[in-house]
Amino acid sequence: GDIHPRTNTQRVVAVVVMVLGQAVFGVISATIAATLANNAKSRMKAQEHLTAVSRFLHDHAITRRLQTRVTAHFGSNWIKYEGLADSDALAHTLPRSLQAELGVAQYGTLLSRFPLLHNVPPAITNEIVLRMARVFVLPNECIVTKGDIGKNMFFILRGTVDVLTDNGRAAAQLVAGQYFGEIGMLFGTPRLNAVRAATHCELVTLDRADLEEAARHYPAFQQTIRHLSSQNAHLEAVRQAVELNDLVGVAVPPRQTN
């Protein structure tokens, strides 16, 4: 500048000030650079996550309107919390009403194919889908073991399962859009047949306890479940009246996809 140090003391002070200035400038510059880098990394991570969410919704044929609502919620959640551990955790961050709407969009058609849940009030369907759990199964993995006490049933979202005979051979196959295990779930009896994944499978399970909890505030539906549970004497006739594939799942057309 226009002012020059004239004495040794002034020169020392000038040097110290310049060094401190450079140090402060370096710290500020490094802080800004790190902040920008972190923001860029966070934005990239958020974008990757939202892309995965969008792919999941599109893959499950969710309507464009509902896709927009869900991704918007996830986007705002990322801004606030900078991400969560996994997709299940993210799903549970949705408002309960949106969770139910998303569940009905994914599982509503499957549930309607199960006679007990056909034409039930929407409120009951909402309660049920909120309690259903998704399960991924590898090929050749046993899903149901013959003789086990049935407590839940399975709906097939994707993949193919084999219904096995006593000697381990595939007697029938069930595909996406079908279900199995409902007799054990409703009657609380041992499984009639073993079921094994023939391919990579994506299943949704419904437990008897969750079904009863969902029906707790709906006396008429609750009474229907109790009536079915009391029909154990009729179970033998059911076993003799239906084919092997009907014992584990009613044969219905697979879900249509666009």
Protein backbone atom coordinates (compact mmCIF):
# COMPACT_ATOMS: atom_id res chain seq x y z
CA GLY A 1 0.00 0.00 0.00
CA ASP A 2 0.99 3.69 0.36
CA ILE A 3 2.22 3.18 3.92
CA HIS A 4 5.62 1.53 4.27
CA PRO A 5 7.26 0.30 7.47
CA ARG A 6 10.24 2.43 8.40
CA THR A 7 11.54 0.71 11.52
CA ASN A 8 12.35 -2.91 12.30
CA THR A 9 9.37 -3.13 14.66
CA GLN A 10 7.02 -1.90 11.97
CA ARG A 11 8.49 -4.37 9.51
CA VAL A 12 7.94 -7.27 11.95
CA VAL A 13 4.35 -6.19 12.56
CA ALA A 14 3.73 -5.92 8.82
CA VAL A 15 5.08 -9.42 8.22
CA VAL A 16 2.95 -10.88 11.03
CA VAL A 17 -0.18 -9.16 9.71
CA MET A 18 0.45 -10.47 6.18
CA VAL A 19 1.01 -14.02 7.43
CA LEU A 20 -2.12 -13.92 9.56
CA GLY A 21 -4.10 -12.49 6.66
CA GLN A 22 -2.97 -15.27 4.36
CA ALA A 23 -3.76 -17.89 7.01
CA VAL A 24 -7.25 -16.52 7.59
CA PHE A 25 -7.84 -16.31 3.84
CA GLY A 26 -6.67 -19.91 3.47
CA VAL A 27 -9.01 -21.13 6.21
CA ILE A 28 -11.96 -19.28 4.72
CA SER A 29 -11.18 -20.59 1.23
CA ALA A 30 -10.82 -24.16 2.50
CA THR A 31 -14.10 -23.91 4.43
CA ILE A 32 -15.97 -22.62 1.39
CA ALA A 33 -14.46 -25.33 -0.83
CA ALA A 34 -15.35 -28.08 1.67
CA THR A 35 -18.89 -26.75 2.03
CA LEU A 36 -19.37 -26.68 -1.73
CA ALA A 37 -17.93 -30.19 -2.06
CA ASN A 38 -20.19 -31.53 0.69
CA ASN A 39 -23.21 -29.84 -0.84
CA ALA A 40 -22.38 -31.32 -4.22
CA LYS A 41 -21.94 -34.78 -2.67
CA SER A 42 -25.19 -34.44 -0.73
CA ARG A 43 -27.03 -33.30 -3.86
CA MET A 44 -25.59 -36.22 -5.82
CA LYS A 45 -26.59 -38.68 -3.12
CA ALA A 46 -30.06 -37.17 -2.91
CA GLN A 47 -30.43 -37.35 -6.69
CA GLU A 48 -29.34 -40.98 -6.74
CA HIS A 49 -31.84 -41.76 -4.03
CA LEU A 50 -34.71 -39.97 -5.75
CA THR A 51 -33.82 -41.73 -9.00
CA ALA A 52 -34.03 -45.08 -7.20
CA VAL A 53 -37.38 -44.11 -5.66
CA SER A 54 -38.73 -43.02 -9.06
CA ARG A 55 -37.55 -46.28 -10.63
CA PHE A 56 -39.24 -48.27 -7.87
CA LEU A 57 -42.55 -46.43 -8.30
CA HIS A 58 -42.44 -46.72 -12.08
CA ASP A 59 -41.54 -50.41 -11.84
CA HIS A 60 -44.62 -51.02 -9.70
CA ALA A 61 -46.90 -49.16 -12.13
CA ILE A 62 -47.80 -46.42 -9.66
CA THR A 63 -49.81 -43.62 -11.23
CA ARG A 64 -47.95 -40.49 -12.31
CA ARG A 65 -49.88 -38.32 -9.85
CA LEU A 66 -49.00 -40.55 -6.88
CA GLN A 67 -45.39 -40.84 -8.08
CA THR A 68 -45.11 -37.05 -8.01
CA ARG A 69 -46.50 -36.85 -4.49
CA VAL A 70 -44.23 -39.58 -3.12
CA THR A 71 -41.04 -38.27 -4.75
CA ALA A 72 -41.88 -34.74 -3.59
CA HIS A 73 -42.20 -35.99 -0.02
CA PHE A 74 -38.93 -37.94 -0.25
CA GLY A 75 -37.20 -34.90 -1.76
CA SER A 76 -38.26 -32.63 1.07
CA ASN A 77 -37.27 -35.32 3.55
CA TRP A 78 -33.76 -35.42 2.09
CA ILE A 79 -33.44 -31.67 2.35
CA LYS A 80 -34.40 -31.81 6.03
CA TYR A 81 -32.63 -34.99 7.16
CA GLU A 82 -29.96 -35.53 4.47
CA GLY A 83 -31.11 -39.08 3.81
CA LEU A 84 -32.15 -42.10 5.79
CA ALA A 85 -30.73 -45.57 6.14
CA ASP A 86 -32.88 -47.55 3.69
CA SER A 87 -36.00 -47.56 1.56
CA ASP A 88 -38.11 -49.18 4.30
CA ALA A 89 -37.17 -46.39 6.68
CA LEU A 90 -38.05 -43.85 4.02
CA ALA A 91 -41.42 -45.48 3.38
CA HIS A 92 -42.26 -45.12 7.05
CA THR A 93 -41.51 -41.39 6.91
CA LEU A 94 -44.56 -40.89 4.72
CA PRO A 95 -47.74 -39.65 6.37
CA ARG A 96 -49.98 -42.56 7.32
CA SER A 97 -52.61 -41.60 4.75
CA LEU A 98 -50.01 -41.52 1.96
CA GLN A 99 -48.53 -44.82 3.16
CA ALA A 100 -51.99 -46.37 2.87
CA GLU A 101 -52.61 -44.88 -0.57
CA LEU A 102 -49.26 -46.14 -1.80
CA GLY A 103 -49.93 -49.58 -0.29
CA VAL A 104 -53.33 -49.83 -1.96
CA ALA A 105 -51.77 -48.83 -5.29
CA GLN A 106 -49.25 -51.67 -4.94
CA TYR A 107 -51.30 -54.40 -3.27
CA GLY A 108 -54.97 -53.47 -3.72
CA THR A 109 -55.51 -55.66 -6.79
CA LEU A 110 -53.83 -58.63 -5.13
CA LEU A 111 -55.95 -58.28 -2.00
CA SER A 112 -59.17 -58.02 -3.98
CA ARG A 113 -58.45 -61.46 -5.50
CA PHE A 114 -58.55 -63.05 -2.06
CA PRO A 115 -62.26 -63.82 -1.47
CA LEU A 116 -62.19 -62.76 2.19
CA LEU A 117 -60.96 -59.29 1.19
CA HIS A 118 -63.01 -58.87 -1.97
CA ASN A 119 -65.25 -55.78 -1.80
CA VAL A 120 -64.34 -54.96 1.80
CA PRO A 121 -64.65 -51.26 2.74
CA PRO A 122 -61.65 -49.12 1.70
CA ALA A 123 -60.91 -48.32 5.35
CA ILE A 124 -60.26 -52.02 6.06
CA THR A 125 -58.05 -52.33 2.97
CA ASN A 126 -56.05 -49.31 4.15
CA GLU A 127 -55.53 -50.85 7.57
CA ILE A 128 -54.39 -54.14 6.04
CA VAL A 129 -51.88 -52.71 3.55
CA LEU A 130 -50.28 -50.68 6.33
CA ARG A 131 -49.46 -53.96 8.08
CA MET A 132 -48.26 -56.02 5.13
CA ALA A 133 -44.55 -56.76 4.77
CA ARG A 134 -42.48 -57.20 1.63
CA VAL A 135 -40.19 -60.25 1.37
CA PHE A 136 -37.52 -61.01 -1.23
CA VAL A 137 -36.72 -64.68 -1.82
CA LEU A 138 -33.86 -66.24 -3.80
CA PRO A 139 -34.39 -69.12 -6.25
CA ASN A 140 -34.66 -72.59 -4.63
CA GLU A 141 -35.29 -71.07 -1.21
CA CYS A 142 -38.05 -72.75 0.79
CA ILE A 143 -40.86 -70.33 1.59
CA VAL A 144 -43.31 -72.68 3.28
CA THR A 145 -42.47 -76.01 4.91
CA LYS A 146 -45.09 -78.73 5.01
CA GLY A 147 -46.34 -79.34 8.53
CA ASP A 148 -45.45 -75.93 9.90
CA ILE A 149 -48.29 -74.16 11.67
CA GLY A 150 -49.61 -71.48 9.36
CA LYS A 151 -49.68 -67.96 10.71
CA ASN A 152 -49.43 -65.93 7.52
CA MET A 153 -50.19 -66.00 3.82
CA PHE A 154 -48.21 -64.80 0.82
CA PHE A 155 -49.11 -62.73 -2.23
CA ILE A 156 -46.78 -62.96 -5.24
CA LEU A 157 -45.75 -59.60 -6.65
CA ARG A 158 -43.03 -60.98 -8.92
CA GLY A 159 -41.56 -64.35 -9.71
CA THR A 160 -42.71 -67.97 -9.73
CA VAL A 161 -43.04 -70.48 -6.89
CA ASP A 162 -43.33 -74.27 -7.00
CA VAL A 163 -45.89 -76.19 -4.95
CA LEU A 164 -44.11 -79.39 -3.95
CA THR A 165 -45.33 -82.94 -3.48
CA ASP A 166 -44.08 -85.16 -0.65
CA ASN A 167 -41.20 -86.39 -2.81
CA GLY A 168 -40.04 -82.83 -3.53
CA ARG A 169 -41.31 -82.56 -7.10
CA ALA A 170 -43.12 -79.50 -8.41
CA ALA A 171 -46.79 -80.39 -8.70
CA ALA A 172 -47.95 -76.89 -9.61
CA GLN A 173 -46.62 -73.38 -10.14
CA LEU A 174 -47.98 -70.06 -8.95
CA VAL A 175 -47.02 -66.78 -10.58
CA ALA A 176 -47.37 -63.04 -10.05
CA GLY A 177 -50.91 -62.11 -9.10
CA GLN A 178 -51.60 -65.30 -7.15
CA TYR A 179 -51.31 -66.18 -3.46
CA PHE A 180 -50.75 -69.15 -1.18
CA GLY A 181 -50.85 -70.12 2.49
CA GLU A 182 -54.30 -68.74 3.18
CA ILE A 183 -55.71 -71.97 4.63
CA GLY A 184 -53.00 -72.18 7.26
CA MET A 185 -53.40 -68.49 8.03
CA LEU A 186 -57.18 -68.63 8.41
CA PHE A 187 -57.51 -71.97 10.21
CA GLY A 188 -54.22 -72.02 12.12
CA THR A 189 -53.53 -75.54 10.85
CA PRO A 190 -50.30 -77.20 9.64
CA ARG A 191 -49.20 -76.32 6.12
CA LEU A 192 -50.60 -78.77 3.59
CA ASN A 193 -47.71 -78.49 1.12
CA ALA A 194 -44.21 -77.10 0.89
CA VAL A 195 -43.66 -74.11 -1.40
CA ARG A 196 -40.29 -73.22 -2.92
CA ALA A 197 -39.16 -70.24 -4.99
CA ALA A 198 -38.52 -71.22 -8.61
CA THR A 199 -37.12 -67.78 -9.48
CA HIS A 200 -36.21 -64.58 -7.69
CA CYS A 201 -39.45 -63.71 -5.94
CA GLU A 202 -40.91 -60.57 -4.45
CA LEU A 203 -43.67 -61.48 -2.02
CA VAL A 204 -45.95 -59.63 0.36
CA THR A 205 -47.01 -61.34 3.57
CA LEU A 206 -50.11 -60.89 5.70
CA ASP A 207 -50.11 -62.25 9.26
CA ARG A 208 -53.24 -63.49 10.99
CA ALA A 209 -52.51 -61.22 13.96
CA ASP A 210 -52.24 -58.20 11.66
CA LEU A 211 -55.47 -59.16 9.91
CA GLU A 212 -57.27 -59.31 13.25
CA GLU A 213 -55.74 -56.02 14.37
CA ALA A 214 -56.86 -54.35 11.13
CA ALA A 215 -60.40 -55.64 11.74
CA ARG A 216 -60.50 -54.56 15.39
CA HIS A 217 -62.67 -51.48 14.73
CA TYR A 218 -64.93 -53.19 12.17
CA PRO A 219 -67.22 -55.65 14.04
CA ALA A 220 -68.87 -57.15 10.95
CA PHE A 221 -65.54 -58.00 9.32
CA GLN A 222 -64.17 -59.21 12.65
CA GLN A 223 -67.14 -61.53 13.00
CA THR A 224 -66.48 -62.92 9.51
CA ILE A 225 -62.91 -63.81 10.47
CA ARG A 226 -64.05 -65.45 13.71
CA HIS A 227 -66.69 -67.42 11.85
CA LEU A 228 -64.08 -68.75 9.42
CA SER A 229 -61.77 -69.66 12.29
CA SER A 230 -64.51 -71.75 13.87
CA GLN A 231 -64.94 -73.89 10.77
CA ASN A 232 -62.14 -76.36 11.56
CA ALA A 233 -64.55 -79.26 11.23
CA HIS A 234 -65.16 -78.22 7.64
CA LEU A 235 -61.44 -78.15 6.78
CA GLU A 236 -61.25 -81.85 5.88
CA ALA A 237 -63.98 -81.39 3.30
CA VAL A 238 -62.10 -78.42 1.89
CA ARG A 239 -58.94 -80.50 1.57
CA GLN A 240 -60.78 -83.21 -0.35
CA ALA A 241 -62.69 -80.81 -2.59
CA VAL A 242 -59.84 -78.79 -4.07
CA GLU A 243 -56.79 -79.58 -6.16
CA LEU A 244 -53.22 -79.34 -4.93
CA ASN A 245 -52.64 -75.85 -6.26
CA ASP A 246 -55.89 -74.67 -4.70
CA LEU A 247 -54.68 -75.84 -1.29
CA VAL A 248 -52.01 -73.16 -1.29
CA GLY A 249 -53.50 -70.53 -3.57
CA VAL A 250 -56.58 -70.01 -5.68
CA ALA A 251 -55.59 -70.05 -9.33
CA VAL A 252 -56.37 -66.61 -10.68
CA PRO A 253 -55.12 -64.81 -13.78
CA PRO A 254 -51.77 -63.06 -13.23
CA ARG A 255 -51.77 -59.30 -12.75
CA GLN A 256 -51.90 -57.45 -16.01
CA THR A 257 -49.06 -55.01 -16.62
CA ASN A 258 -48.80 -52.32 -19.22
